[in-house]
PDB file of N, CA and C in Angstrom:
ATOM      1  N   MET A   1     102.784  82.328  89.987  1.00  0.00           N
ATOM      2  CA  MET A   1     102.872  83.714  90.379  1.00  0.00           C
ATOM      3  C   MET A   1     104.261  84.103  90.840  1.00  0.00           C
ATOM      4  N   CYS A   2     105.156  83.118  91.018  1.00  0.00           N
ATOM      5  CA  CYS A   2     106.529  83.432  91.407  1.00  0.00           C
ATOM      6  C   CYS A   2     107.294  84.000  90.217  1.00  0.00           C
ATOM      7  N   PHE A   3     108.120  84.985  90.501  1.00  0.00           N
ATOM      8  CA  PHE A   3     109.019  85.499  89.480  1.00  0.00           C
ATOM      9  C   PHE A   3     110.218  84.555  89.368  1.00  0.00           C
ATOM     10  N   PRO A   4     111.022  84.686  88.315  1.00  0.00           N
ATOM     11  CA  PRO A   4     112.170  83.789  88.132  1.00  0.00           C
ATOM     12  C   PRO A   4     113.141  83.856  89.316  1.00  0.00           C
ATOM     13  N   PRO A   5     113.959  82.811  89.499  1.00  0.00           N
ATOM     14  CA  PRO A   5     114.965  82.833  90.560  1.00  0.00           C
ATOM     15  C   PRO A   5     115.831  84.095  90.481  1.00  0.00           C
ATOM     16  N   LEU A   6     116.226  84.577  91.638  1.00  0.00           N
ATOM     17  CA  LEU A   6     117.047  85.772  91.813  1.00  0.00           C
ATOM     18  C   LEU A   6     116.295  87.066  91.528  1.00  0.00           C
ATOM     19  N   SER A   7     114.991  86.986  91.276  1.00  0.00           N
ATOM     20  CA  SER A   7     114.150  88.178  91.141  1.00  0.00           C
ATOM     21  C   SER A   7     113.512  88.469  92.489  1.00  0.00           C
ATOM     22  N   TRP A   8     113.274  89.745  92.773  1.00  0.00           N
ATOM     23  CA  TRP A   8     112.589  90.104  94.007  1.00  0.00           C
ATOM     24  C   TRP A   8     111.136  89.664  93.927  1.00  0.00           C
ATOM     25  N   GLN A   9     110.647  89.082  94.982  1.00  0.00           N
ATOM     26  CA  GLN A   9     109.246  88.691  95.122  1.00  0.00           C
ATOM     27  C   GLN A   9     108.588  89.694  96.074  1.00  0.00           C
ATOM     28  N   THR A  10     107.289  89.890  95.947  1.00  0.00           N
ATOM     29  CA  THR A  10     106.595  90.772  96.895  1.00  0.00           C
ATOM     30  C   THR A  10     105.518  89.995  97.637  1.00  0.00           C
ATOM     31  N   TYR A  11     105.338  90.355  98.896  1.00  0.00           N
ATOM     32  CA  TYR A  11     104.262  89.819  99.725  1.00  0.00           C
ATOM     33  C   TYR A  11     103.589  90.989 100.409  1.00  0.00           C
ATOM     34  N   ASP A  12     102.304  91.088 100.258  1.00  0.00           N
ATOM     35  CA  ASP A  12     101.498  92.061 101.000  1.00  0.00           C
ATOM     36  C   ASP A  12     100.675  91.263 101.988  1.00  0.00           C
ATOM     37  N   ILE A  13     100.858  91.539 103.257  1.00  0.00           N
ATOM     38  CA  ILE A  13     100.209  90.755 104.303  1.00  0.00           C
ATOM     39  C   ILE A  13      99.373  91.667 105.182  1.00  0.00           C
ATOM     40  N   ASP A  14      98.092  91.371 105.271  1.00  0.00           N
ATOM     41  CA  ASP A  14      97.187  92.049 106.210  1.00  0.00           C
ATOM     42  C   ASP A  14      96.869  91.049 107.304  1.00  0.00           C
ATOM     43  N   PHE A  15      97.267  91.375 108.521  1.00  0.00           N
ATOM     44  CA  PHE A  15      97.101  90.469 109.656  1.00  0.00           C
ATOM     45  C   PHE A  15      96.240  91.134 110.718  1.00  0.00           C
ATOM     46  N   LYS A  16      95.248  90.413 111.191  1.00  0.00           N
ATOM     47  CA  LYS A  16      94.413  90.869 112.307  1.00  0.00           C
ATOM     48  C   LYS A  16      94.629  89.893 113.457  1.00  0.00           C
ATOM     49  N   ALA A  17      95.126  90.419 114.559  1.00  0.00           N
ATOM     50  CA  ALA A  17      95.442  89.572 115.713  1.00  0.00           C
ATOM     51  C   ALA A  17      94.168  89.002 116.323  1.00  0.00           C
ATOM     52  N   ALA A  18      94.344  87.895 117.034  1.00  0.00           N
ATOM     53  CA  ALA A  18      93.233  87.303 117.788  1.00  0.00           C
ATOM     54  C   ALA A  18      92.759  88.314 118.837  1.00  0.00           C
ATOM     55  N   LYS A  19      91.498  88.201 119.207  1.00  0.00           N
ATOM     56  CA  LYS A  19      90.929  89.103 120.228  1.00  0.00           C
ATOM     57  C   LYS A  19      90.632  88.310 121.488  1.00  0.00           C
ATOM     58  N   TYR A  20      90.801  88.975 122.610  1.00  0.00           N
ATOM     59  CA  TYR A  20      90.586  88.364 123.920  1.00  0.00           C
ATOM     60  C   TYR A  20      89.688  89.261 124.754  1.00  0.00           C
ATOM     61  N   ASP A  21      88.899  88.650 125.632  1.00  0.00           N
ATOM     62  CA  ASP A  21      88.076  89.447 126.547  1.00  0.00           C
ATOM     63  C   ASP A  21      88.910  89.837 127.770  1.00  0.00           C
ATOM     64  N   ASP A  22      88.297  90.556 128.699  1.00  0.00           N
ATOM     65  CA  ASP A  22      89.005  91.045 129.877  1.00  0.00           C
ATOM     66  C   ASP A  22      89.534  89.918 130.765  1.00  0.00           C
ATOM     67  N   ALA A  23      88.919  88.757 130.679  1.00  0.00           N
ATOM     68  CA  ALA A  23      89.345  87.610 131.487  1.00  0.00           C
ATOM     69  C   ALA A  23      90.478  86.826 130.811  1.00  0.00           C
ATOM     70  N   GLY A  24      90.881  87.224 129.592  1.00  0.00           N
ATOM     71  CA  GLY A  24      91.948  86.534 128.880  1.00  0.00           C
ATOM     72  C   GLY A  24      91.480  85.383 128.011  1.00  0.00           C
ATOM     73  N   LYS A  25      90.159  85.237 127.844  1.00  0.00           N
ATOM     74  CA  LYS A  25      89.620  84.174 126.996  1.00  0.00           C
ATOM     75  C   LYS A  25      89.556  84.667 125.546  1.00  0.00           C
ATOM     76  N   LYS A  26      90.014  83.822 124.623  1.00  0.00           N
ATOM     77  CA  LYS A  26      89.981  84.215 123.208  1.00  0.00           C
ATOM     78  C   LYS A  26      88.549  84.279 122.722  1.00  0.00           C
ATOM     79  N   THR A  27      88.201  85.396 122.075  1.00  0.00           N
ATOM     80  CA  THR A  27      86.851  85.580 121.537  1.00  0.00           C
ATOM     81  C   THR A  27      86.817  85.513 120.013  1.00  0.00           C
ATOM     82  N   ASP A  28      87.940  85.811 119.356  1.00  0.00           N
ATOM     83  CA  ASP A  28      88.035  85.739 117.895  1.00  0.00           C
ATOM     84  C   ASP A  28      89.424  85.259 117.516  1.00  0.00           C
ATOM     85  N   ASN A  29      89.498  84.371 116.519  1.00  0.00           N
ATOM     86  CA  ASN A  29      90.783  83.913 116.008  1.00  0.00           C
ATOM     87  C   ASN A  29      91.444  84.995 115.169  1.00  0.00           C
ATOM     88  N   ALA A  30      92.752  84.894 115.022  1.00  0.00           N
ATOM     89  CA  ALA A  30      93.489  85.778 114.126  1.00  0.00           C
ATOM     90  C   ALA A  30      93.061  85.494 112.684  1.00  0.00           C
ATOM     91  N   ARG A  31      93.232  86.486 111.814  1.00  0.00           N
ATOM     92  CA  ARG A  31      92.908  86.349 110.394  1.00  0.00           C
ATOM     93  C   ARG A  31      94.034  86.966 109.576  1.00  0.00           C
ATOM     94  N   ILE A  32      94.208  86.436 108.354  1.00  0.00           N
ATOM     95  CA  ILE A  32      95.286  86.926 107.506  1.00  0.00           C
ATOM     96  C   ILE A  32      94.871  86.904 106.032  1.00  0.00           C
ATOM     97  N   THR A  33      95.288  87.942 105.310  1.00  0.00           N
ATOM     98  CA  THR A  33      95.149  87.993 103.854  1.00  0.00           C
ATOM     99  C   THR A  33      96.551  88.201 103.301  1.00  0.00           C
ATOM    100  N   ILE A  34      96.940  87.385 102.315  1.00  0.00           N
ATOM    101  CA  ILE A  34      98.281  87.477 101.745  1.00  0.00           C
ATOM    102  C   ILE A  34      98.190  87.572 100.231  1.00  0.00           C
ATOM    103  N   LYS A  35      98.926  88.536  99.674  1.00  0.00           N
ATOM    104  CA  LYS A  35      99.097  88.656  98.226  1.00  0.00           C
ATOM    105  C   LYS A  35     100.560  88.375  97.910  1.00  0.00           C
ATOM    106  N   HIS A  36     100.784  87.495  96.939  1.00  0.00           N
ATOM    107  CA  HIS A  36     102.140  87.177  96.480  1.00  0.00           C
ATOM    108  C   HIS A  36     102.285  87.721  95.068  1.00  0.00           C
ATOM    109  N   ASN A  37     103.165  88.701  94.896  1.00  0.00           N
ATOM    110  CA  ASN A  37     103.335  89.391  93.607  1.00  0.00           C
ATOM    111  C   ASN A  37     101.995  89.873  93.063  1.00  0.00           C
ATOM    112  N   GLY A  38     101.148  90.380  93.961  1.00  0.00           N
ATOM    113  CA  GLY A  38      99.869  90.969  93.566  1.00  0.00           C
ATOM    114  C   GLY A  38      98.719  89.990  93.448  1.00  0.00           C
ATOM    115  N   VAL A  39      98.967  88.693  93.604  1.00  0.00           N
ATOM    116  CA  VAL A  39      97.926  87.672  93.481  1.00  0.00           C
ATOM    117  C   VAL A  39      97.516  87.206  94.879  1.00  0.00           C
ATOM    118  N   VAL A  40      96.216  87.265  95.183  1.00  0.00           N
ATOM    119  CA  VAL A  40      95.730  86.829  96.491  1.00  0.00           C
ATOM    120  C   VAL A  40      95.898  85.319  96.612  1.00  0.00           C
ATOM    121  N   ILE A  41      96.651  84.887  97.635  1.00  0.00           N
ATOM    122  CA  ILE A  41      96.822  83.451  97.858  1.00  0.00           C
ATOM    123  C   ILE A  41      96.096  82.992  99.119  1.00  0.00           C
ATOM    124  N   HIS A  42      95.826  83.908 100.046  1.00  0.00           N
ATOM    125  CA  HIS A  42      94.989  83.639 101.222  1.00  0.00           C
ATOM    126  C   HIS A  42      94.112  84.866 101.422  1.00  0.00           C
ATOM    127  N   ASP A  43      92.814  84.676 101.475  1.00  0.00           N
ATOM    128  CA  ASP A  43      91.875  85.796 101.582  1.00  0.00           C
ATOM    129  C   ASP A  43      91.084  85.698 102.878  1.00  0.00           C
ATOM    130  N   ASN A  44      91.450  86.536 103.840  1.00  0.00           N
ATOM    131  CA  ASN A  44      90.757  86.588 105.129  1.00  0.00           C
ATOM    132  C   ASN A  44      90.725  85.204 105.790  1.00  0.00           C
ATOM    133  N   LEU A  45      91.834  84.496 105.709  1.00  0.00           N
ATOM    134  CA  LEU A  45      91.946  83.152 106.249  1.00  0.00           C
ATOM    135  C   LEU A  45      91.942  83.199 107.776  1.00  0.00           C
ATOM    136  N   GLU A  46      91.068  82.420 108.391  1.00  0.00           N
ATOM    137  CA  GLU A  46      91.005  82.338 109.843  1.00  0.00           C
ATOM    138  C   GLU A  46      92.060  81.349 110.335  1.00  0.00           C
ATOM    139  N   LEU A  47      92.884  81.791 111.283  1.00  0.00           N
ATOM    140  CA  LEU A  47      93.937  80.945 111.842  1.00  0.00           C
ATOM    141  C   LEU A  47      93.391  80.285 113.105  1.00  0.00           C
ATOM    142  N   THR A  48      92.760  79.146 112.918  1.00  0.00           N
ATOM    143  CA  THR A  48      92.030  78.485 114.006  1.00  0.00           C
ATOM    144  C   THR A  48      92.943  77.837 115.043  1.00  0.00           C
ATOM    145  N   LYS A  49      94.185  77.570 114.688  1.00  0.00           N
ATOM    146  CA  LYS A  49      95.112  76.908 115.621  1.00  0.00           C
ATOM    147  C   LYS A  49      96.155  77.876 116.161  1.00  0.00           C
ATOM    148  N   GLY A  50      95.851  79.143 116.150  1.00  0.00           N
ATOM    149  CA  GLY A  50      96.794  80.133 116.649  1.00  0.00           C
ATOM    150  C   GLY A  50      97.777  80.570 115.587  1.00  0.00           C
ATOM    151  N   THR A  51      98.704  81.397 115.995  1.00  0.00           N
ATOM    152  CA  THR A  51      99.727  81.894 115.086  1.00  0.00           C
ATOM    153  C   THR A  51     101.047  81.239 115.462  1.00  0.00           C
ATOM    154  N   PRO A  52     101.570  80.381 114.588  1.00  0.00           N
ATOM    155  CA  PRO A  52     102.802  79.664 114.923  1.00  0.00           C
ATOM    156  C   PRO A  52     103.994  80.608 114.912  1.00  0.00           C
ATOM    157  N   GLY A  53     105.034  80.218 115.587  1.00  0.00           N
ATOM    158  CA  GLY A  53     106.242  81.027 115.539  1.00  0.00           C
ATOM    159  C   GLY A  53     106.990  81.062 116.845  1.00  0.00           C
ATOM    160  N   TYR A  54     107.598  82.199 117.081  1.00  0.00           N
ATOM    161  CA  TYR A  54     108.517  82.399 118.189  1.00  0.00           C
ATOM    162  C   TYR A  54     107.902  82.095 119.554  1.00  0.00           C
ATOM    163  N   LYS A  55     106.713  82.589 119.808  1.00  0.00           N
ATOM    164  CA  LYS A  55     106.023  82.364 121.078  1.00  0.00           C
ATOM    165  C   LYS A  55     104.570  82.003 120.797  1.00  0.00           C
ATOM    166  N   ALA A  56     103.941  81.369 121.757  1.00  0.00           N
ATOM    167  CA  ALA A  56     102.527  81.002 121.607  1.00  0.00           C
ATOM    168  C   ALA A  56     101.656  82.258 121.550  1.00  0.00           C
ATOM    169  N   GLU A  57     100.568  82.152 120.824  1.00  0.00           N
ATOM    170  CA  GLU A  57      99.615  83.245 120.723  1.00  0.00           C
ATOM    171  C   GLU A  57      99.051  83.568 122.100  1.00  0.00           C
ATOM    172  N   GLY A  58      98.841  84.844 122.366  1.00  0.00           N
ATOM    173  CA  GLY A  58      98.290  85.255 123.647  1.00  0.00           C
ATOM    174  C   GLY A  58      98.047  86.749 123.678  1.00  0.00           C
ATOM    175  N   LEU A  59      97.848  87.270 124.861  1.00  0.00           N
ATOM    176  CA  LEU A  59      97.539  88.683 125.038  1.00  0.00           C
ATOM    177  C   LEU A  59      98.717  89.602 124.722  1.00  0.00           C
ATOM    178  N   GLU A  60      99.929  89.100 124.890  1.00  0.00           N
ATOM    179  CA  GLU A  60     101.131  89.915 124.702  1.00  0.00           C
ATOM    180  C   GLU A  60     101.331  90.277 123.228  1.00  0.00           C
ATOM    181  N   GLN A  61     101.616  91.562 122.960  1.00  0.00           N
ATOM    182  CA  GLN A  61     101.941  91.978 121.598  1.00  0.00           C
ATOM    183  C   GLN A  61     103.389  91.614 121.316  1.00  0.00           C
ATOM    184  N   LEU A  62     103.621  90.910 120.225  1.00  0.00           N
ATOM    185  CA  LEU A  62     104.971  90.520 119.829  1.00  0.00           C
ATOM    186  C   LEU A  62     105.318  91.194 118.510  1.00  0.00           C
ATOM    187  N   GLY A  63     106.559  91.100 118.121  1.00  0.00           N
ATOM    188  CA  GLY A  63     107.008  91.689 116.867  1.00  0.00           C
ATOM    189  C   GLY A  63     106.764  90.768 115.689  1.00  0.00           C
ATOM    190  N   LEU A  64     107.361  91.124 114.583  1.00  0.00           N
ATOM    191  CA  LEU A  64     107.297  90.339 113.360  1.00  0.00           C
ATOM    192  C   LEU A  64     108.523  89.443 113.303  1.00  0.00           C
ATOM    193  N   PHE A  65     108.325  88.153 113.072  1.00  0.00           N
ATOM    194  CA  PHE A  65     109.423  87.199 113.010  1.00  0.00           C
ATOM    195  C   PHE A  65     109.444  86.568 111.627  1.00  0.00           C
ATOM    196  N   LEU A  66     110.587  86.646 110.953  1.00  0.00           N
ATOM    197  CA  LEU A  66     110.754  86.101 109.611  1.00  0.00           C
ATOM    198  C   LEU A  66     111.684  84.897 109.685  1.00  0.00           C
ATOM    199  N   GLN A  67     111.434  83.911 108.838  1.00  0.00           N
ATOM    200  CA  GLN A  67     112.286  82.727 108.823  1.00  0.00           C
ATOM    201  C   GLN A  67     112.703  82.415 107.403  1.00  0.00           C
ATOM    202  N   ASN A  68     113.789  81.636 107.283  1.00  0.00           N
ATOM    203  CA  ASN A  68     114.318  81.379 105.942  1.00  0.00           C
ATOM    204  C   ASN A  68     114.533  79.903 105.644  1.00  0.00           C
ATOM    205  N   HIS A  69     114.282  79.004 106.568  1.00  0.00           N
ATOM    206  CA  HIS A  69     114.432  77.560 106.354  1.00  0.00           C
ATOM    207  C   HIS A  69     115.815  77.193 105.828  1.00  0.00           C
ATOM    208  N   SER A  70     116.838  77.934 106.256  1.00  0.00           N
ATOM    209  CA  SER A  70     118.258  77.681 105.917  1.00  0.00           C
ATOM    210  C   SER A  70     118.591  77.888 104.445  1.00  0.00           C
ATOM    211  N   ASN A  71     117.731  78.556 103.698  1.00  0.00           N
ATOM    212  CA  ASN A  71     118.019  78.875 102.300  1.00  0.00           C
ATOM    213  C   ASN A  71     118.492  80.323 102.215  1.00  0.00           C
ATOM    214  N   PRO A  72     119.311  80.652 101.193  1.00  0.00           N
ATOM    215  CA  PRO A  72     119.719  82.048 101.034  1.00  0.00           C
ATOM    216  C   PRO A  72     118.491  82.917 100.795  1.00  0.00           C
ATOM    217  N   VAL A  73     118.364  83.974 101.555  1.00  0.00           N
ATOM    218  CA  VAL A  73     117.215  84.854 101.419  1.00  0.00           C
ATOM    219  C   VAL A  73     117.595  86.253 101.889  1.00  0.00           C
ATOM    220  N   ALA A  74     116.969  87.255 101.313  1.00  0.00           N
ATOM    221  CA  ALA A  74     117.172  88.642 101.737  1.00  0.00           C
ATOM    222  C   ALA A  74     115.814  89.317 101.801  1.00  0.00           C
ATOM    223  N   PHE A  75     115.658  90.206 102.749  1.00  0.00           N
ATOM    224  CA  PHE A  75     114.420  90.959 102.894  1.00  0.00           C
ATOM    225  C   PHE A  75     114.744  92.444 102.740  1.00  0.00           C
ATOM    226  N   ARG A  76     113.836  93.188 102.147  1.00  0.00           N
ATOM    227  CA  ARG A  76     113.998  94.644 102.056  1.00  0.00           C
ATOM    228  C   ARG A  76     112.621  95.291 102.021  1.00  0.00           C
ATOM    229  N   ASN A  77     112.575  96.554 102.322  1.00  0.00           N
ATOM    230  CA  ASN A  77     111.339  97.339 102.284  1.00  0.00           C
ATOM    231  C   ASN A  77     110.223  96.689 103.095  1.00  0.00           C
ATOM    232  N   ILE A  78     110.506  96.359 104.321  1.00  0.00           N
ATOM    233  CA  ILE A  78     109.486  95.776 105.207  1.00  0.00           C
ATOM    234  C   ILE A  78     108.808  96.922 105.942  1.00  0.00           C
ATOM    235  N   TRP A  79     107.503  96.970 105.827  1.00  0.00           N
ATOM    236  CA  TRP A  79     106.713  98.012 106.485  1.00  0.00           C
ATOM    237  C   TRP A  79     105.769  97.359 107.466  1.00  0.00           C
ATOM    238  N   GLY A  80     105.609  97.976 108.590  1.00  0.00           N
ATOM    239  CA  GLY A  80     104.605  97.563 109.550  1.00  0.00           C
ATOM    240  C   GLY A  80     103.706  98.735 109.858  1.00  0.00           C
ATOM    241  N   VAL A  81     102.414  98.565 109.646  1.00  0.00           N
ATOM    242  CA  VAL A  81     101.455  99.642 109.905  1.00  0.00           C
ATOM    243  C   VAL A  81     100.409  99.123 110.874  1.00  0.00           C
ATOM    244  N   GLU A  82     100.329  99.744 112.035  1.00  0.00           N
ATOM    245  CA  GLU A  82      99.335  99.326 113.019  1.00  0.00           C
ATOM    246  C   GLU A  82      98.039 100.076 112.740  1.00  0.00           C
ATOM    247  N   LYS A  83      96.941  99.317 112.684  1.00  0.00           N
ATOM    248  CA  LYS A  83      95.639  99.936 112.411  1.00  0.00           C
ATOM    249  C   LYS A  83      94.773  99.883 113.632  1.00  0.00           C
TER     250      LYS A  83
END
């Protein structure tokens, strides 16, 4: 599903954050659906070990963090829509 090198790739990501009760106890894990160039590669995948990245998963709302693993990479047309 990858396009040739030096071609733009697309990712459509639907992310649902973990849910917590009033006491701060997690009640539902985060879930994610990802399409790569229009092909579903993860469909409503439950993230049972939290969301890895900049900070540990918790009640605090954090931003979007992108990484490149030290390879040349460029990002464009990034949209964030809160539902």
